[in-house]
N, C-alpha and C. Protein backbone atom coordinates (compact mmCIF):
# COMPACT_ATOMS: atom_id res chain seq x y z
N MET A 1 78.34 103.76 84.84
CA MET A 1 79.36 103.92 85.89
C MET A 1 79.98 102.57 86.10
N ARG A 2 81.34 102.50 86.04
CA ARG A 2 82.16 101.43 86.31
C ARG A 2 82.36 101.24 87.78
N ARG A 3 82.17 100.12 88.37
CA ARG A 3 82.44 99.98 89.83
C ARG A 3 83.66 99.07 90.01
N ILE A 4 84.49 99.34 90.91
CA ILE A 4 85.60 98.51 91.27
C ILE A 4 85.42 98.03 92.65
N ILE A 5 85.36 96.77 92.81
CA ILE A 5 85.10 96.26 94.15
C ILE A 5 86.40 95.85 94.87
N ILE A 6 86.63 96.38 96.12
CA ILE A 6 87.90 96.11 96.73
C ILE A 6 87.52 95.47 98.10
N PRO A 7 88.33 94.50 98.47
CA PRO A 7 88.08 93.82 99.77
C PRO A 7 87.97 94.78 100.90
N GLY A 8 87.04 94.49 101.85
CA GLY A 8 86.69 95.21 103.06
C GLY A 8 87.55 96.41 103.43
N SER A 9 87.19 97.14 104.38
CA SER A 9 87.82 98.35 104.91
C SER A 9 88.99 98.89 104.17
N LEU A 10 89.10 98.61 102.91
CA LEU A 10 90.18 99.15 102.16
C LEU A 10 90.03 100.64 101.84
N LEU A 11 88.99 101.13 101.44
CA LEU A 11 88.84 102.43 101.23
C LEU A 11 87.61 103.02 101.76
N LEU A 12 87.69 103.93 102.75
CA LEU A 12 86.55 104.33 103.57
C LEU A 12 85.88 105.39 102.76
N GLY A 13 84.83 104.86 102.05
CA GLY A 13 83.92 105.84 101.26
C GLY A 13 84.59 106.61 100.21
N LEU A 14 85.61 106.14 99.59
CA LEU A 14 86.29 106.91 98.66
C LEU A 14 85.46 107.04 97.31
N LEU A 15 85.26 108.10 96.86
CA LEU A 15 84.47 108.43 95.81
C LEU A 15 85.17 109.44 94.87
N VAL A 16 85.44 109.03 93.60
CA VAL A 16 86.15 109.86 92.66
C VAL A 16 85.18 110.22 91.57
N ALA A 17 85.02 111.51 91.33
CA ALA A 17 84.18 112.05 90.32
C ALA A 17 85.01 112.58 89.23
N GLY A 18 84.79 112.24 88.01
CA GLY A 18 85.38 112.72 86.88
C GLY A 18 86.82 112.61 86.75
N LEU A 19 87.41 111.43 86.53
CA LEU A 19 88.82 111.34 86.31
C LEU A 19 89.12 111.60 84.87
N THR A 20 90.15 112.45 84.62
CA THR A 20 90.50 112.81 83.33
C THR A 20 91.96 112.59 83.18
N CYS A 21 92.43 111.59 82.46
CA CYS A 21 93.81 111.31 82.19
C CYS A 21 94.01 111.21 80.70
N GLY A 22 93.64 112.18 79.96
CA GLY A 22 93.85 112.20 78.49
C GLY A 22 92.46 112.06 77.86
N ALA A 23 92.37 112.08 76.63
CA ALA A 23 91.28 111.97 75.80
C ALA A 23 90.50 110.71 75.96
N ALA A 24 91.29 109.58 76.04
CA ALA A 24 90.64 108.25 76.19
C ALA A 24 89.89 108.18 77.55
N ARG A 25 90.41 108.71 78.59
CA ARG A 25 89.83 108.57 79.90
C ARG A 25 88.66 109.64 80.10
N ALA A 26 88.77 110.66 79.25
CA ALA A 26 87.72 111.72 79.43
C ALA A 26 86.36 111.28 79.22
N GLN A 27 86.30 110.30 78.37
CA GLN A 27 84.85 109.78 78.01
C GLN A 27 84.41 108.66 78.89
N GLU A 28 85.39 108.13 79.88
CA GLU A 28 84.88 107.05 80.67
C GLU A 28 84.08 107.60 81.87
N PRO A 29 83.07 106.84 82.26
CA PRO A 29 82.32 107.34 83.35
C PRO A 29 83.22 107.34 84.67
N PRO A 30 82.81 108.17 85.61
CA PRO A 30 83.54 108.24 86.92
C PRO A 30 83.59 106.91 87.54
N LYS A 31 84.83 106.56 88.19
CA LYS A 31 84.89 105.31 88.96
C LYS A 31 84.61 105.53 90.37
N THR A 32 84.03 104.53 90.95
CA THR A 32 83.81 104.58 92.38
C THR A 32 84.37 103.31 92.99
N VAL A 33 84.78 103.37 94.20
CA VAL A 33 85.31 102.25 94.92
C VAL A 33 84.27 101.84 95.84
N LYS A 34 83.82 100.68 95.87
CA LYS A 34 82.73 100.15 96.77
C LYS A 34 83.43 99.34 97.85
N LYS A 35 83.12 99.69 99.08
CA LYS A 35 83.55 99.04 100.22
C LYS A 35 82.73 97.80 100.40
N VAL A 36 83.42 96.61 100.49
CA VAL A 36 82.76 95.39 100.66
C VAL A 36 83.50 94.61 101.85
N PRO A 37 82.75 93.69 102.44
CA PRO A 37 83.42 93.01 103.55
C PRO A 37 84.58 92.13 102.99
N VAL A 38 85.57 91.93 103.85
CA VAL A 38 86.68 91.07 103.60
C VAL A 38 86.21 89.73 103.54
N HIS A 39 86.56 88.92 102.47
CA HIS A 39 86.25 87.56 102.45
C HIS A 39 87.33 86.73 103.19
N SER A 40 86.97 85.77 103.82
CA SER A 40 88.02 84.86 104.44
C SER A 40 88.71 84.13 103.21
N THR A 41 89.88 83.66 103.57
CA THR A 41 90.66 83.01 102.46
C THR A 41 91.48 81.78 103.18
N GLN A 42 91.61 80.88 102.39
CA GLN A 42 92.48 79.77 102.82
C GLN A 42 93.92 79.92 102.38
N ALA A 43 94.14 80.87 101.51
CA ALA A 43 95.51 81.19 100.91
C ALA A 43 96.50 81.57 102.02
N ILE A 44 97.66 80.95 101.91
CA ILE A 44 98.68 81.35 102.77
C ILE A 44 100.01 81.79 102.02
N SER A 45 100.05 81.38 100.74
CA SER A 45 101.26 81.72 99.90
C SER A 45 101.18 83.23 99.64
N GLY A 46 102.39 83.85 99.57
CA GLY A 46 102.59 85.32 99.35
C GLY A 46 101.95 85.65 98.04
N LYS A 47 102.18 84.89 97.05
CA LYS A 47 101.73 85.17 95.66
C LYS A 47 100.23 85.20 95.58
N ASP A 48 99.50 84.18 96.22
CA ASP A 48 98.10 84.06 96.15
C ASP A 48 97.54 85.27 97.02
N LEU A 49 98.06 85.50 98.18
CA LEU A 49 97.55 86.59 98.97
C LEU A 49 97.70 88.01 98.22
N TYR A 50 98.85 88.19 97.58
CA TYR A 50 99.03 89.39 96.83
C TYR A 50 97.98 89.54 95.73
N ARG A 51 97.78 88.56 94.96
CA ARG A 51 96.75 88.43 93.95
C ARG A 51 95.35 88.81 94.43
N GLU A 52 95.02 88.27 95.62
CA GLU A 52 93.69 88.38 96.21
C GLU A 52 93.50 89.72 96.87
N PHE A 53 94.56 90.26 97.59
CA PHE A 53 94.20 91.48 98.35
C PHE A 53 95.06 92.71 97.95
N CYS A 54 96.18 92.61 97.21
CA CYS A 54 97.00 93.71 96.92
C CYS A 54 96.93 94.28 95.48
N ALA A 55 96.83 93.28 94.49
CA ALA A 55 96.85 93.54 93.10
C ALA A 55 95.88 94.51 92.69
N VAL A 56 94.64 94.61 93.25
CA VAL A 56 93.56 95.52 92.86
C VAL A 56 94.12 97.02 92.85
N CYS A 57 94.97 97.40 93.82
CA CYS A 57 95.50 98.67 93.79
C CYS A 57 96.94 98.71 93.21
N HIS A 58 97.90 97.84 93.67
CA HIS A 58 99.23 97.83 93.26
C HIS A 58 99.54 97.18 91.98
N GLY A 59 98.61 96.49 91.36
CA GLY A 59 98.85 95.90 90.00
C GLY A 59 99.43 94.44 90.14
N ALA A 60 99.28 93.75 89.03
CA ALA A 60 99.71 92.35 88.94
C ALA A 60 101.21 92.23 89.25
N VAL A 61 102.07 93.15 88.79
CA VAL A 61 103.49 92.96 89.10
C VAL A 61 103.95 94.12 90.02
N GLY A 62 103.05 94.85 90.74
CA GLY A 62 103.49 95.72 91.75
C GLY A 62 103.81 97.19 91.22
N LYS A 63 103.46 97.51 90.00
CA LYS A 63 103.87 98.78 89.46
C LYS A 63 102.90 99.98 89.89
N GLY A 64 101.93 99.64 90.60
CA GLY A 64 100.99 100.70 91.10
C GLY A 64 99.86 100.94 90.15
N ASP A 65 99.67 99.94 89.28
CA ASP A 65 98.65 100.27 88.15
C ASP A 65 97.46 99.26 88.20
N GLY A 66 97.03 98.93 89.33
CA GLY A 66 95.90 98.04 89.50
C GLY A 66 94.59 98.74 89.03
N PRO A 67 93.54 97.96 88.88
CA PRO A 67 92.32 98.55 88.42
C PRO A 67 91.71 99.66 89.28
N ALA A 68 92.05 99.65 90.59
CA ALA A 68 91.44 100.64 91.45
C ALA A 68 92.39 101.81 91.67
N ALA A 69 93.61 101.74 91.10
CA ALA A 69 94.71 102.85 91.29
C ALA A 69 94.22 104.19 90.93
N SER A 70 93.57 104.31 89.83
CA SER A 70 93.18 105.68 89.35
C SER A 70 91.96 106.23 90.19
N ALA A 71 91.45 105.45 91.03
CA ALA A 71 90.26 105.98 91.97
C ALA A 71 90.87 106.43 93.30
N LEU A 72 92.19 106.21 93.61
CA LEU A 72 92.72 106.60 94.84
C LEU A 72 93.19 108.00 94.79
N LYS A 73 93.28 108.58 95.96
CA LYS A 73 93.74 110.04 96.11
C LYS A 73 95.15 110.04 95.89
N THR A 74 95.97 109.13 96.41
CA THR A 74 97.32 109.00 96.21
C THR A 74 97.67 107.69 95.48
N PRO A 75 98.31 107.86 94.38
CA PRO A 75 98.58 106.59 93.61
C PRO A 75 99.49 105.68 94.38
N PRO A 76 99.20 104.34 94.30
CA PRO A 76 99.89 103.39 95.04
C PRO A 76 101.37 103.32 94.53
N PRO A 77 102.31 103.16 95.40
CA PRO A 77 103.78 103.07 94.94
C PRO A 77 104.08 101.88 94.09
N ASP A 78 105.16 101.97 93.39
CA ASP A 78 105.73 100.91 92.63
C ASP A 78 106.40 99.91 93.62
N LEU A 79 105.81 98.81 93.93
CA LEU A 79 106.42 97.88 94.94
C LEU A 79 107.67 97.30 94.39
N ALA A 80 107.87 97.13 93.08
CA ALA A 80 108.99 96.52 92.55
C ALA A 80 110.28 97.42 92.71
N GLN A 81 110.05 98.59 93.17
CA GLN A 81 111.22 99.49 93.32
C GLN A 81 111.57 99.77 94.77
N ILE A 82 110.99 99.02 95.72
CA ILE A 82 111.27 99.26 97.20
C ILE A 82 112.72 99.13 97.37
N SER A 83 113.42 98.12 96.96
CA SER A 83 114.82 97.97 97.13
C SER A 83 115.60 99.04 96.50
N ALA A 84 115.32 99.48 95.37
CA ALA A 84 115.97 100.57 94.58
C ALA A 84 115.81 101.84 95.43
N ARG A 85 114.61 102.07 96.12
CA ARG A 85 114.49 103.30 96.88
C ARG A 85 115.17 103.23 98.24
N ASN A 86 115.75 102.03 98.56
CA ASN A 86 116.35 101.79 99.84
C ASN A 86 117.85 101.29 99.69
N GLY A 87 118.52 101.92 98.74
CA GLY A 87 119.95 101.74 98.45
C GLY A 87 120.27 100.21 98.08
N GLY A 88 119.38 99.63 97.36
CA GLY A 88 119.51 98.27 96.88
C GLY A 88 119.24 97.10 97.89
N LYS A 89 118.73 97.52 99.07
CA LYS A 89 118.45 96.49 100.17
C LYS A 89 116.94 96.51 100.33
N PHE A 90 116.44 95.29 100.38
CA PHE A 90 114.96 95.29 100.76
C PHE A 90 114.76 95.38 102.20
N PRO A 91 113.92 96.38 102.62
CA PRO A 91 113.77 96.62 104.12
C PRO A 91 112.63 95.74 104.72
N GLU A 92 112.81 94.49 104.79
CA GLU A 92 111.93 93.54 105.21
C GLU A 92 111.03 93.92 106.39
N THR A 93 111.72 94.32 107.45
CA THR A 93 111.01 94.77 108.72
C THR A 93 110.03 95.94 108.50
N LYS A 94 110.53 96.89 107.71
CA LYS A 94 109.76 98.01 107.39
C LYS A 94 108.49 97.75 106.65
N VAL A 95 108.69 96.92 105.63
CA VAL A 95 107.57 96.45 104.81
C VAL A 95 106.48 95.68 105.69
N GLN A 96 107.09 94.83 106.58
CA GLN A 96 106.16 94.11 107.44
C GLN A 96 105.44 95.03 108.42
N HIS A 97 106.09 96.02 108.81
CA HIS A 97 105.39 97.05 109.68
C HIS A 97 104.37 97.80 108.95
N ILE A 98 104.57 98.05 107.71
CA ILE A 98 103.59 98.81 106.84
C ILE A 98 102.29 97.97 106.73
N ILE A 99 102.58 96.67 106.34
CA ILE A 99 101.38 95.80 106.19
C ILE A 99 100.64 95.60 107.43
N ASN A 100 101.36 95.50 108.59
CA ASN A 100 100.66 95.39 109.90
C ASN A 100 100.12 96.64 110.44
N GLY A 101 100.27 97.77 109.72
CA GLY A 101 99.79 99.11 110.13
C GLY A 101 100.54 99.73 111.25
N GLU A 102 101.74 99.26 111.48
CA GLU A 102 102.58 99.75 112.58
C GLU A 102 103.44 100.89 112.23
N ALA A 103 103.49 101.14 110.91
CA ALA A 103 104.27 102.36 110.41
C ALA A 103 103.45 103.36 109.71
N ASP A 104 103.61 104.58 109.90
CA ASP A 104 103.00 105.66 109.13
C ASP A 104 103.74 105.83 107.86
N VAL A 105 102.89 105.75 106.79
CA VAL A 105 103.42 105.84 105.45
C VAL A 105 102.70 107.15 104.87
N THR A 106 103.54 108.05 104.66
CA THR A 106 102.97 109.35 104.05
C THR A 106 102.18 109.11 102.80
N ALA A 107 102.70 108.26 101.98
CA ALA A 107 102.06 107.95 100.69
C ALA A 107 100.57 107.27 100.85
N HIS A 108 100.37 106.77 102.06
CA HIS A 108 99.17 106.20 102.22
C HIS A 108 98.15 107.20 102.76
N GLY A 109 98.55 108.40 102.93
CA GLY A 109 97.71 109.48 103.31
C GLY A 109 96.73 109.17 104.44
N SER A 110 95.55 109.00 104.25
CA SER A 110 94.46 108.85 105.13
C SER A 110 94.21 107.25 105.44
N LYS A 111 95.37 106.55 105.42
CA LYS A 111 95.22 105.09 105.73
C LYS A 111 94.20 104.38 104.83
N ASP A 112 94.30 104.79 103.46
CA ASP A 112 93.51 104.05 102.49
C ASP A 112 93.85 102.56 102.42
N MET A 113 95.13 102.26 102.60
CA MET A 113 95.56 100.91 102.55
C MET A 113 95.13 100.19 103.87
N PRO A 114 94.38 99.16 103.77
CA PRO A 114 93.96 98.45 104.99
C PRO A 114 95.12 97.86 105.76
N VAL A 115 94.86 97.59 107.02
CA VAL A 115 95.92 97.03 107.88
C VAL A 115 95.72 95.47 107.67
N TRP A 116 96.35 95.01 106.73
CA TRP A 116 96.26 93.60 106.25
C TRP A 116 96.59 92.54 107.44
N GLY A 117 97.59 92.99 108.13
CA GLY A 117 98.06 92.04 109.19
C GLY A 117 96.99 91.78 110.15
N ASN A 118 96.29 92.84 110.64
CA ASN A 118 95.11 92.71 111.51
C ASN A 118 94.00 91.90 110.89
N ILE A 119 93.66 92.19 109.68
CA ILE A 119 92.70 91.52 108.88
C ILE A 119 93.07 90.04 108.87
N PHE A 120 94.18 89.67 108.38
CA PHE A 120 94.70 88.30 108.30
C PHE A 120 94.57 87.48 109.61
N ARG A 121 94.96 88.25 110.76
CA ARG A 121 94.90 87.62 112.09
C ARG A 121 93.45 87.28 112.45
N HIS A 122 92.46 87.91 111.91
CA HIS A 122 91.11 87.72 112.30
C HIS A 122 90.41 86.82 111.31
N MET A 123 91.10 86.20 110.38
CA MET A 123 90.51 85.35 109.48
C MET A 123 90.68 83.87 110.04
N GLY A 124 89.63 83.31 110.59
CA GLY A 124 89.70 81.94 111.13
C GLY A 124 90.08 81.97 112.56
N SER A 125 90.25 80.79 113.10
CA SER A 125 90.42 80.63 114.53
C SER A 125 91.92 80.74 115.02
N ASN A 126 92.77 80.67 114.13
CA ASN A 126 94.23 80.64 114.49
C ASN A 126 94.85 81.90 114.09
N SER A 127 95.14 82.81 114.95
CA SER A 127 95.74 84.13 114.67
C SER A 127 97.23 83.99 114.17
N ASP A 128 97.85 82.90 114.55
CA ASP A 128 99.31 82.67 114.10
C ASP A 128 99.27 82.66 112.58
N ILE A 129 98.30 82.12 111.99
CA ILE A 129 98.26 82.04 110.52
C ILE A 129 98.35 83.41 109.94
N GLY A 130 97.80 84.40 110.58
CA GLY A 130 97.88 85.77 110.15
C GLY A 130 99.28 86.31 110.00
N ALA A 131 100.07 85.90 111.03
CA ALA A 131 101.53 86.34 110.98
C ALA A 131 102.21 85.60 109.89
N VAL A 132 101.86 84.37 109.61
CA VAL A 132 102.49 83.59 108.52
C VAL A 132 102.14 84.23 107.23
N ARG A 133 100.85 84.62 107.06
CA ARG A 133 100.49 85.30 105.84
C ARG A 133 101.17 86.59 105.56
N VAL A 134 101.42 87.40 106.55
CA VAL A 134 102.10 88.67 106.49
C VAL A 134 103.54 88.40 106.06
N TYR A 135 104.09 87.46 106.74
CA TYR A 135 105.46 87.00 106.31
C TYR A 135 105.62 86.54 104.93
N ASN A 136 104.70 85.74 104.50
CA ASN A 136 104.76 85.25 103.19
C ASN A 136 104.53 86.38 102.09
N LEU A 137 103.73 87.24 102.46
CA LEU A 137 103.38 88.44 101.58
C LEU A 137 104.63 89.32 101.46
N VAL A 138 105.34 89.57 102.61
CA VAL A 138 106.49 90.33 102.56
C VAL A 138 107.55 89.62 101.74
N LYS A 139 107.71 88.44 101.85
CA LYS A 139 108.74 87.59 101.08
C LYS A 139 108.40 87.62 99.55
N TYR A 140 107.09 87.60 99.22
CA TYR A 140 106.71 87.63 97.81
C TYR A 140 107.02 89.07 97.21
N ILE A 141 106.75 90.08 98.02
CA ILE A 141 107.03 91.44 97.48
C ILE A 141 108.52 91.60 97.35
N GLU A 142 109.35 90.95 98.18
CA GLU A 142 110.81 90.99 98.08
C GLU A 142 111.18 90.29 96.65
N GLU A 143 110.45 89.18 96.39
CA GLU A 143 110.75 88.50 95.12
C GLU A 143 110.44 89.41 93.90
N MET A 144 109.56 90.26 94.13
CA MET A 144 109.06 91.21 93.02
C MET A 144 110.05 92.28 92.71
N GLN A 145 111.03 92.49 93.45
CA GLN A 145 112.03 93.53 93.19
C GLN A 145 112.64 93.52 91.92
N ALA A 146 112.80 94.69 91.19
CA ALA A 146 113.46 94.88 90.01
C ALA A 146 114.88 94.40 90.19
N LYS A 147 115.39 93.66 89.17
CA LYS A 147 116.84 93.24 89.28
C LYS A 147 117.71 94.29 88.58
């Protein structure tokens, strides 16, 4: 059995049995997503935060193809297409609200995506750093947009 470890409160007891996506996948053992505590980080750059907390589901370049993506009930969206899905304009405030857990996102179904804003605010003694982390993460996702 292959395990994919995802930072804290990311997926509440998600267990996927028997994923079959073609012949190659049919022989793979079922994937499970193990809930582990969120580790504190010193990172504040959007790129570092994305790699540490988002890429496991959304993939290295935001295509929704991270190592845990196939174990999710709802596939993660392609983050590089956010602007394209919004008439060519990146909805910075909306993305910030999603990361902060202030917006309901149908694709997230049962809130599988953690409320990173809240988690970032509780890392360390300075909650203002959490807001900086969210802002930097939003700006990095904006940089990822397909041209």
